[in-house]
Amino acid sequence: MDKKKNITLILILCFFANITADANEDTRQYVKFPPKLQRKQLSNMRDHMAALNEILEYLAYDEPKKAAEVAQKRLGLSARHSHNTKDLAKYMPKGMKQAGYNMHSAASDFAQVAKKGNTESAYEALMAVTQSCVECHAGYRTR
């Protein structure tokens, strides 16, 4: 269990390390959304973070199949439709769209790995999801 806790801690620290690396100089590309869509985008991001937290909880308690369900439903490729990303995508630069697609695709891949029941392999697959988050948040901002 200590190894699982260490992996969880590393994932969380890696996620935030790039985002907060240099708070004094924000060189990320500004992406302007209309106010209503900006609120939608931020709501989606908060839901992504909540889903990641839920996934990590399930993995910490050695329940990778439940983690897979959350990933597929809330982060996977099929989740793009429930988040209504079509309207948002009109305002996103190509790199931001690609990072989003990479995250959703990695979440679907994670779900397939986690469904097999091996928690350690699931943790490893989850790193591709969080890496996509880090890349996007390190390169783009909406405020």
N, C-alpha and C. Protein backbone atom coordinates (compact mmCIF):
# COMPACT_ATOMS: atom_id res chain seq x y z
N MET A 1 0.82 -1.20 0.00
CA MET A 1 0.00 0.00 0.00
C MET A 1 0.86 1.26 0.00
N ASP A 2 2.05 1.21 0.61
CA ASP A 2 2.91 2.38 0.63
C ASP A 2 3.30 2.79 -0.78
N LYS A 3 3.56 1.81 -1.64
CA LYS A 3 3.92 2.13 -3.02
C LYS A 3 2.77 2.86 -3.72
N LYS A 4 1.55 2.43 -3.47
CA LYS A 4 0.38 3.07 -4.08
C LYS A 4 0.25 4.51 -3.60
N LYS A 5 0.45 4.71 -2.31
CA LYS A 5 0.37 6.07 -1.76
C LYS A 5 1.46 6.95 -2.35
N ASN A 6 2.65 6.39 -2.51
CA ASN A 6 3.75 7.16 -3.10
C ASN A 6 3.44 7.53 -4.54
N ILE A 7 2.90 6.59 -5.30
CA ILE A 7 2.56 6.88 -6.69
C ILE A 7 1.48 7.96 -6.75
N THR A 8 0.49 7.87 -5.88
CA THR A 8 -0.57 8.89 -5.84
C THR A 8 0.02 10.25 -5.55
N LEU A 9 0.88 10.33 -4.57
CA LEU A 9 1.50 11.59 -4.21
C LEU A 9 2.33 12.14 -5.37
N ILE A 10 3.07 11.28 -6.03
CA ILE A 10 3.89 11.70 -7.17
C ILE A 10 3.01 12.24 -8.29
N LEU A 11 1.91 11.56 -8.58
CA LEU A 11 0.99 12.02 -9.63
C LEU A 11 0.46 13.42 -9.31
N ILE A 12 0.05 13.60 -8.09
CA ILE A 12 -0.51 14.90 -7.70
C ILE A 12 0.56 15.99 -7.77
N LEU A 13 1.73 15.71 -7.26
CA LEU A 13 2.81 16.70 -7.30
C LEU A 13 3.22 17.03 -8.72
N CYS A 14 3.31 16.02 -9.58
CA CYS A 14 3.67 16.27 -10.98
C CYS A 14 2.62 17.11 -11.67
N PHE A 15 1.37 16.88 -11.35
CA PHE A 15 0.29 17.63 -11.98
C PHE A 15 0.42 19.12 -11.69
N PHE A 16 0.74 19.45 -10.45
CA PHE A 16 0.81 20.85 -10.08
C PHE A 16 2.18 21.49 -10.26
N ALA A 17 3.22 20.70 -10.41
CA ALA A 17 4.57 21.25 -10.52
C ALA A 17 4.72 22.17 -11.72
N ASN A 18 4.27 21.75 -12.88
CA ASN A 18 4.41 22.58 -14.07
C ASN A 18 3.49 23.78 -14.03
N ILE A 19 2.34 23.66 -13.44
CA ILE A 19 1.38 24.76 -13.41
C ILE A 19 1.89 25.90 -12.55
N THR A 20 2.56 25.58 -11.46
CA THR A 20 2.98 26.62 -10.52
C THR A 20 4.48 26.90 -10.59
N ALA A 21 5.15 26.39 -11.61
CA ALA A 21 6.61 26.49 -11.68
C ALA A 21 7.10 27.93 -11.57
N ASP A 22 6.48 28.88 -12.26
CA ASP A 22 6.92 30.27 -12.21
C ASP A 22 5.69 31.16 -12.19
N ALA A 23 5.15 31.35 -11.01
CA ALA A 23 3.92 32.11 -10.87
C ALA A 23 4.11 33.59 -11.16
N ASN A 24 5.35 34.10 -11.14
CA ASN A 24 5.60 35.51 -11.39
C ASN A 24 5.49 35.88 -12.86
N GLU A 25 5.77 34.96 -13.74
CA GLU A 25 5.75 35.25 -15.17
C GLU A 25 4.89 34.21 -15.87
N ASP A 26 3.69 34.59 -16.23
CA ASP A 26 2.77 33.68 -16.88
C ASP A 26 2.91 33.83 -18.40
N THR A 27 3.56 32.86 -19.01
CA THR A 27 3.81 32.92 -20.45
C THR A 27 2.83 32.06 -21.24
N ARG A 28 1.82 31.52 -20.55
CA ARG A 28 0.85 30.68 -21.25
C ARG A 28 0.03 31.51 -22.24
N GLN A 29 -0.41 30.85 -23.31
CA GLN A 29 -1.24 31.53 -24.31
C GLN A 29 -2.64 31.76 -23.73
N TYR A 30 -3.09 32.98 -23.87
CA TYR A 30 -4.44 33.34 -23.40
C TYR A 30 -5.46 32.88 -24.43
N VAL A 31 -6.47 32.18 -23.98
CA VAL A 31 -7.56 31.72 -24.85
C VAL A 31 -8.83 32.40 -24.36
N LYS A 32 -9.39 33.23 -25.23
CA LYS A 32 -10.58 33.99 -24.85
C LYS A 32 -11.84 33.25 -25.30
N PHE A 33 -12.66 32.95 -24.31
CA PHE A 33 -13.97 32.37 -24.54
C PHE A 33 -15.02 33.44 -24.23
N PRO A 34 -16.16 33.39 -24.89
CA PRO A 34 -17.27 34.25 -24.44
C PRO A 34 -17.58 33.90 -22.98
N PRO A 35 -18.06 34.86 -22.19
CA PRO A 35 -18.25 34.62 -20.74
C PRO A 35 -19.01 33.33 -20.40
N LYS A 36 -20.09 33.06 -21.09
CA LYS A 36 -20.88 31.86 -20.79
C LYS A 36 -20.06 30.59 -21.05
N LEU A 37 -19.29 30.57 -22.13
CA LEU A 37 -18.46 29.41 -22.44
C LEU A 37 -17.24 29.32 -21.53
N GLN A 38 -16.74 30.45 -21.08
CA GLN A 38 -15.64 30.42 -20.12
C GLN A 38 -16.09 29.74 -18.83
N ARG A 39 -17.29 30.08 -18.39
CA ARG A 39 -17.83 29.42 -17.18
C ARG A 39 -17.99 27.92 -17.43
N LYS A 40 -18.44 27.56 -18.63
CA LYS A 40 -18.61 26.15 -18.99
C LYS A 40 -17.25 25.43 -18.97
N GLN A 41 -16.24 26.07 -19.57
CA GLN A 41 -14.90 25.48 -19.61
C GLN A 41 -14.35 25.28 -18.19
N LEU A 42 -14.48 26.27 -17.36
CA LEU A 42 -13.98 26.16 -15.98
C LEU A 42 -14.76 25.10 -15.20
N SER A 43 -16.04 25.00 -15.45
CA SER A 43 -16.85 23.96 -14.81
C SER A 43 -16.37 22.57 -15.25
N ASN A 44 -16.08 22.42 -16.53
CA ASN A 44 -15.55 21.15 -17.03
C ASN A 44 -14.23 20.81 -16.35
N MET A 45 -13.35 21.80 -16.21
CA MET A 45 -12.04 21.56 -15.58
C MET A 45 -12.21 21.14 -14.12
N ARG A 46 -13.13 21.79 -13.43
CA ARG A 46 -13.37 21.40 -12.03
C ARG A 46 -13.90 19.98 -11.96
N ASP A 47 -14.76 19.60 -12.90
CA ASP A 47 -15.27 18.24 -12.91
C ASP A 47 -14.16 17.24 -13.23
N HIS A 48 -13.25 17.63 -14.13
CA HIS A 48 -12.11 16.75 -14.43
C HIS A 48 -11.28 16.52 -13.17
N MET A 49 -11.02 17.58 -12.41
CA MET A 49 -10.24 17.43 -11.17
C MET A 49 -10.98 16.55 -10.17
N ALA A 50 -12.29 16.74 -10.04
CA ALA A 50 -13.07 15.91 -9.12
C ALA A 50 -13.04 14.45 -9.56
N ALA A 51 -13.12 14.21 -10.87
CA ALA A 51 -13.07 12.85 -11.38
C ALA A 51 -11.70 12.23 -11.10
N LEU A 52 -10.62 12.99 -11.33
CA LEU A 52 -9.29 12.48 -11.02
C LEU A 52 -9.15 12.13 -9.54
N ASN A 53 -9.70 12.97 -8.70
CA ASN A 53 -9.66 12.69 -7.26
C ASN A 53 -10.41 11.40 -6.93
N GLU A 54 -11.57 11.22 -7.54
CA GLU A 54 -12.36 10.01 -7.30
C GLU A 54 -11.60 8.77 -7.80
N ILE A 55 -10.97 8.90 -8.96
CA ILE A 55 -10.18 7.79 -9.51
C ILE A 55 -9.04 7.43 -8.56
N LEU A 56 -8.33 8.45 -8.07
CA LEU A 56 -7.23 8.19 -7.14
C LEU A 56 -7.72 7.53 -5.85
N GLU A 57 -8.89 7.95 -5.38
CA GLU A 57 -9.45 7.31 -4.18
C GLU A 57 -9.72 5.83 -4.43
N TYR A 58 -10.35 5.52 -5.55
CA TYR A 58 -10.63 4.12 -5.86
C TYR A 58 -9.34 3.31 -5.99
N LEU A 59 -8.33 3.90 -6.62
CA LEU A 59 -7.06 3.18 -6.76
C LEU A 59 -6.39 2.99 -5.40
N ALA A 60 -6.46 4.00 -4.56
CA ALA A 60 -5.86 3.90 -3.22
C ALA A 60 -6.48 2.78 -2.41
N TYR A 61 -7.76 2.50 -2.67
CA TYR A 61 -8.47 1.43 -1.95
C TYR A 61 -8.54 0.15 -2.78
N ASP A 62 -7.65 0.07 -3.79
CA ASP A 62 -7.51 -1.13 -4.62
C ASP A 62 -8.83 -1.53 -5.29
N GLU A 63 -9.48 -0.54 -5.88
CA GLU A 63 -10.72 -0.78 -6.62
C GLU A 63 -10.59 -0.21 -8.04
N PRO A 64 -9.67 -0.79 -8.83
CA PRO A 64 -9.41 -0.23 -10.16
C PRO A 64 -10.60 -0.30 -11.11
N LYS A 65 -11.46 -1.28 -10.94
CA LYS A 65 -12.62 -1.37 -11.85
C LYS A 65 -13.58 -0.21 -11.64
N LYS A 66 -13.74 0.23 -10.39
CA LYS A 66 -14.57 1.41 -10.12
C LYS A 66 -13.90 2.66 -10.66
N ALA A 67 -12.57 2.72 -10.56
CA ALA A 67 -11.82 3.85 -11.13
C ALA A 67 -12.02 3.90 -12.64
N ALA A 68 -12.05 2.74 -13.27
CA ALA A 68 -12.25 2.66 -14.72
C ALA A 68 -13.62 3.23 -15.11
N GLU A 69 -14.63 2.91 -14.33
CA GLU A 69 -15.98 3.42 -14.60
C GLU A 69 -16.01 4.95 -14.57
N VAL A 70 -15.39 5.52 -13.56
CA VAL A 70 -15.35 6.98 -13.43
C VAL A 70 -14.60 7.59 -14.61
N ALA A 71 -13.46 7.01 -14.94
CA ALA A 71 -12.65 7.54 -16.03
C ALA A 71 -13.41 7.52 -17.35
N GLN A 72 -14.05 6.42 -17.64
CA GLN A 72 -14.76 6.31 -18.91
C GLN A 72 -15.95 7.26 -18.97
N LYS A 73 -16.68 7.32 -17.88
CA LYS A 73 -17.90 8.14 -17.86
C LYS A 73 -17.60 9.65 -17.85
N ARG A 74 -16.57 10.06 -17.10
CA ARG A 74 -16.36 11.50 -16.91
C ARG A 74 -15.16 12.09 -17.61
N LEU A 75 -14.21 11.24 -18.04
CA LEU A 75 -13.01 11.76 -18.68
C LEU A 75 -12.72 11.15 -20.05
N GLY A 76 -13.24 9.99 -20.32
CA GLY A 76 -12.93 9.27 -21.55
C GLY A 76 -13.46 9.97 -22.80
N LEU A 77 -13.17 9.37 -23.94
CA LEU A 77 -13.58 9.96 -25.22
C LEU A 77 -15.09 10.21 -25.28
N SER A 78 -15.87 9.32 -24.70
CA SER A 78 -17.32 9.49 -24.73
C SER A 78 -17.78 10.68 -23.87
N ALA A 79 -16.96 11.09 -22.91
CA ALA A 79 -17.32 12.21 -22.03
C ALA A 79 -17.30 13.54 -22.77
N ARG A 80 -16.60 13.61 -23.90
CA ARG A 80 -16.55 14.86 -24.66
C ARG A 80 -17.95 15.30 -25.06
N HIS A 81 -18.82 14.35 -25.34
CA HIS A 81 -20.18 14.69 -25.75
C HIS A 81 -21.00 15.22 -24.57
N SER A 82 -20.83 14.61 -23.41
CA SER A 82 -21.58 15.07 -22.24
C SER A 82 -21.09 16.44 -21.75
N HIS A 83 -19.83 16.76 -22.05
CA HIS A 83 -19.29 18.07 -21.66
C HIS A 83 -19.57 19.13 -22.71
N ASN A 84 -20.19 18.73 -23.80
CA ASN A 84 -20.55 19.66 -24.88
C ASN A 84 -19.35 20.50 -25.31
N THR A 85 -18.29 19.82 -25.69
CA THR A 85 -17.05 20.52 -26.04
C THR A 85 -17.07 21.10 -27.45
N LYS A 86 -18.07 20.78 -28.24
CA LYS A 86 -18.12 21.28 -29.61
C LYS A 86 -18.13 22.81 -29.65
N ASP A 87 -18.96 23.43 -28.82
CA ASP A 87 -19.01 24.90 -28.77
C ASP A 87 -17.70 25.48 -28.26
N LEU A 88 -17.09 24.83 -27.29
CA LEU A 88 -15.83 25.31 -26.73
C LEU A 88 -14.69 25.19 -27.73
N ALA A 89 -14.70 24.12 -28.50
CA ALA A 89 -13.60 23.85 -29.43
C ALA A 89 -13.45 24.95 -30.48
N LYS A 90 -14.51 25.64 -30.79
CA LYS A 90 -14.45 26.73 -31.79
C LYS A 90 -13.46 27.82 -31.38
N TYR A 91 -13.24 27.97 -30.09
CA TYR A 91 -12.39 29.04 -29.57
C TYR A 91 -10.99 28.56 -29.18
N MET A 92 -10.77 27.26 -29.23
CA MET A 92 -9.50 26.71 -28.78
C MET A 92 -8.47 26.69 -29.89
N PRO A 93 -7.22 27.05 -29.56
CA PRO A 93 -6.14 26.86 -30.53
C PRO A 93 -5.94 25.36 -30.79
N LYS A 94 -5.32 25.05 -31.90
CA LYS A 94 -5.12 23.66 -32.29
C LYS A 94 -4.43 22.84 -31.19
N GLY A 95 -3.39 23.40 -30.58
CA GLY A 95 -2.66 22.67 -29.54
C GLY A 95 -3.51 22.38 -28.32
N MET A 96 -4.39 23.29 -27.98
CA MET A 96 -5.28 23.09 -26.83
C MET A 96 -6.29 21.97 -27.15
N LYS A 97 -6.82 22.00 -28.36
CA LYS A 97 -7.75 20.93 -28.77
C LYS A 97 -7.05 19.58 -28.72
N GLN A 98 -5.80 19.55 -29.21
CA GLN A 98 -5.05 18.29 -29.23
C GLN A 98 -4.79 17.80 -27.81
N ALA A 99 -4.43 18.70 -26.91
CA ALA A 99 -4.19 18.30 -25.52
C ALA A 99 -5.46 17.74 -24.90
N GLY A 100 -6.60 18.37 -25.19
CA GLY A 100 -7.87 17.86 -24.69
C GLY A 100 -8.19 16.47 -25.23
N TYR A 101 -7.98 16.32 -26.52
CA TYR A 101 -8.21 15.00 -27.13
C TYR A 101 -7.27 13.96 -26.50
N ASN A 102 -6.01 14.34 -26.33
CA ASN A 102 -5.04 13.41 -25.72
C ASN A 102 -5.48 12.98 -24.33
N MET A 103 -6.00 13.93 -23.54
CA MET A 103 -6.45 13.60 -22.19
C MET A 103 -7.63 12.63 -22.24
N HIS A 104 -8.63 12.95 -23.09
CA HIS A 104 -9.81 12.07 -23.18
C HIS A 104 -9.41 10.68 -23.68
N SER A 105 -8.51 10.63 -24.65
CA SER A 105 -8.06 9.35 -25.19
C SER A 105 -7.28 8.56 -24.14
N ALA A 106 -6.39 9.25 -23.42
CA ALA A 106 -5.62 8.59 -22.35
C ALA A 106 -6.54 8.07 -21.25
N ALA A 107 -7.62 8.81 -20.96
CA ALA A 107 -8.57 8.36 -19.94
C ALA A 107 -9.29 7.08 -20.39
N SER A 108 -9.64 7.02 -21.67
CA SER A 108 -10.25 5.79 -22.19
C SER A 108 -9.27 4.63 -22.14
N ASP A 109 -8.00 4.90 -22.48
CA ASP A 109 -6.96 3.87 -22.38
C ASP A 109 -6.78 3.42 -20.94
N PHE A 110 -6.76 4.40 -20.02
CA PHE A 110 -6.65 4.07 -18.59
C PHE A 110 -7.79 3.15 -18.18
N ALA A 111 -9.00 3.48 -18.60
CA ALA A 111 -10.17 2.68 -18.22
C ALA A 111 -10.01 1.23 -18.68
N GLN A 112 -9.50 1.04 -19.88
CA GLN A 112 -9.29 -0.33 -20.38
C GLN A 112 -8.27 -1.09 -19.52
N VAL A 113 -7.20 -0.41 -19.14
CA VAL A 113 -6.18 -1.03 -18.30
C VAL A 113 -6.75 -1.32 -16.91
N ALA A 114 -7.44 -0.34 -16.33
CA ALA A 114 -7.97 -0.49 -14.97
C ALA A 114 -9.03 -1.59 -14.88
N LYS A 115 -9.79 -1.78 -15.95
CA LYS A 115 -10.83 -2.83 -15.95
C LYS A 115 -10.23 -4.22 -15.75
N LYS A 116 -8.97 -4.37 -16.08
CA LYS A 116 -8.31 -5.66 -15.92
C LYS A 116 -8.01 -5.98 -14.46
N GLY A 117 -8.11 -4.95 -13.59
CA GLY A 117 -8.01 -5.20 -12.16
C GLY A 117 -6.64 -5.05 -11.54
N ASN A 118 -5.62 -4.70 -12.29
CA ASN A 118 -4.29 -4.54 -11.72
C ASN A 118 -4.08 -3.07 -11.36
N THR A 119 -4.10 -2.78 -10.07
CA THR A 119 -4.01 -1.40 -9.60
C THR A 119 -2.70 -0.74 -9.99
N GLU A 120 -1.61 -1.46 -9.89
CA GLU A 120 -0.31 -0.88 -10.23
C GLU A 120 -0.25 -0.47 -11.71
N SER A 121 -0.75 -1.32 -12.58
CA SER A 121 -0.79 -0.98 -14.01
C SER A 121 -1.72 0.20 -14.25
N ALA A 122 -2.80 0.26 -13.49
CA ALA A 122 -3.74 1.37 -13.63
C ALA A 122 -3.08 2.69 -13.25
N TYR A 123 -2.32 2.70 -12.16
CA TYR A 123 -1.59 3.92 -11.78
C TYR A 123 -0.67 4.37 -12.91
N GLU A 124 0.03 3.42 -13.48
CA GLU A 124 0.94 3.76 -14.58
C GLU A 124 0.19 4.36 -15.76
N ALA A 125 -0.96 3.80 -16.10
CA ALA A 125 -1.76 4.30 -17.22
C ALA A 125 -2.34 5.68 -16.90
N LEU A 126 -2.60 5.95 -15.64
CA LEU A 126 -3.17 7.23 -15.25
C LEU A 126 -2.19 8.38 -15.48
N MET A 127 -0.91 8.09 -15.48
CA MET A 127 0.08 9.15 -15.69
C MET A 127 -0.09 9.82 -17.05
N ALA A 128 -0.51 9.10 -18.06
CA ALA A 128 -0.73 9.71 -19.38
C ALA A 128 -1.90 10.70 -19.33
N VAL A 129 -2.87 10.42 -18.49
CA VAL A 129 -4.02 11.34 -18.34
C VAL A 129 -3.53 12.64 -17.70
N THR A 130 -2.85 12.52 -16.57
CA THR A 130 -2.42 13.73 -15.86
C THR A 130 -1.35 14.49 -16.65
N GLN A 131 -0.53 13.78 -17.42
CA GLN A 131 0.46 14.47 -18.23
C GLN A 131 -0.22 15.35 -19.28
N SER A 132 -1.31 14.89 -19.84
CA SER A 132 -2.07 15.71 -20.80
C SER A 132 -2.64 16.95 -20.12
N CYS A 133 -3.09 16.79 -18.90
CA CYS A 133 -3.60 17.93 -18.13
C CYS A 133 -2.49 18.95 -17.90
N VAL A 134 -1.34 18.46 -17.47
CA VAL A 134 -0.21 19.33 -17.20
C VAL A 134 0.19 20.09 -18.47
N GLU A 135 0.28 19.39 -19.58
CA GLU A 135 0.68 20.04 -20.84
C GLU A 135 -0.29 21.15 -21.22
N CYS A 136 -1.56 20.90 -21.11
CA CYS A 136 -2.55 21.91 -21.47
C CYS A 136 -2.50 23.11 -20.53
N HIS A 137 -2.52 22.83 -19.24
CA HIS A 137 -2.51 23.91 -18.26
C HIS A 137 -1.20 24.69 -18.24
N ALA A 138 -0.13 24.05 -18.65
CA ALA A 138 1.16 24.74 -18.74
C ALA A 138 1.23 25.65 -19.97
N GLY A 139 0.43 25.36 -20.98
CA GLY A 139 0.50 26.12 -22.22
C GLY A 139 -0.61 27.12 -22.44
N TYR A 140 -1.73 26.95 -21.74
CA TYR A 140 -2.90 27.79 -22.02
C TYR A 140 -3.55 28.27 -20.73
N ARG A 141 -4.20 29.42 -20.84
CA ARG A 141 -4.96 29.96 -19.72
C ARG A 141 -6.21 30.64 -20.28
N THR A 142 -7.21 30.77 -19.44
CA THR A 142 -8.46 31.45 -19.86
C THR A 142 -8.73 32.69 -19.04
N ARG A 143 -7.84 32.99 -18.13
CA ARG A 143 -7.98 34.20 -17.30
C ARG A 143 -6.68 34.97 -17.30
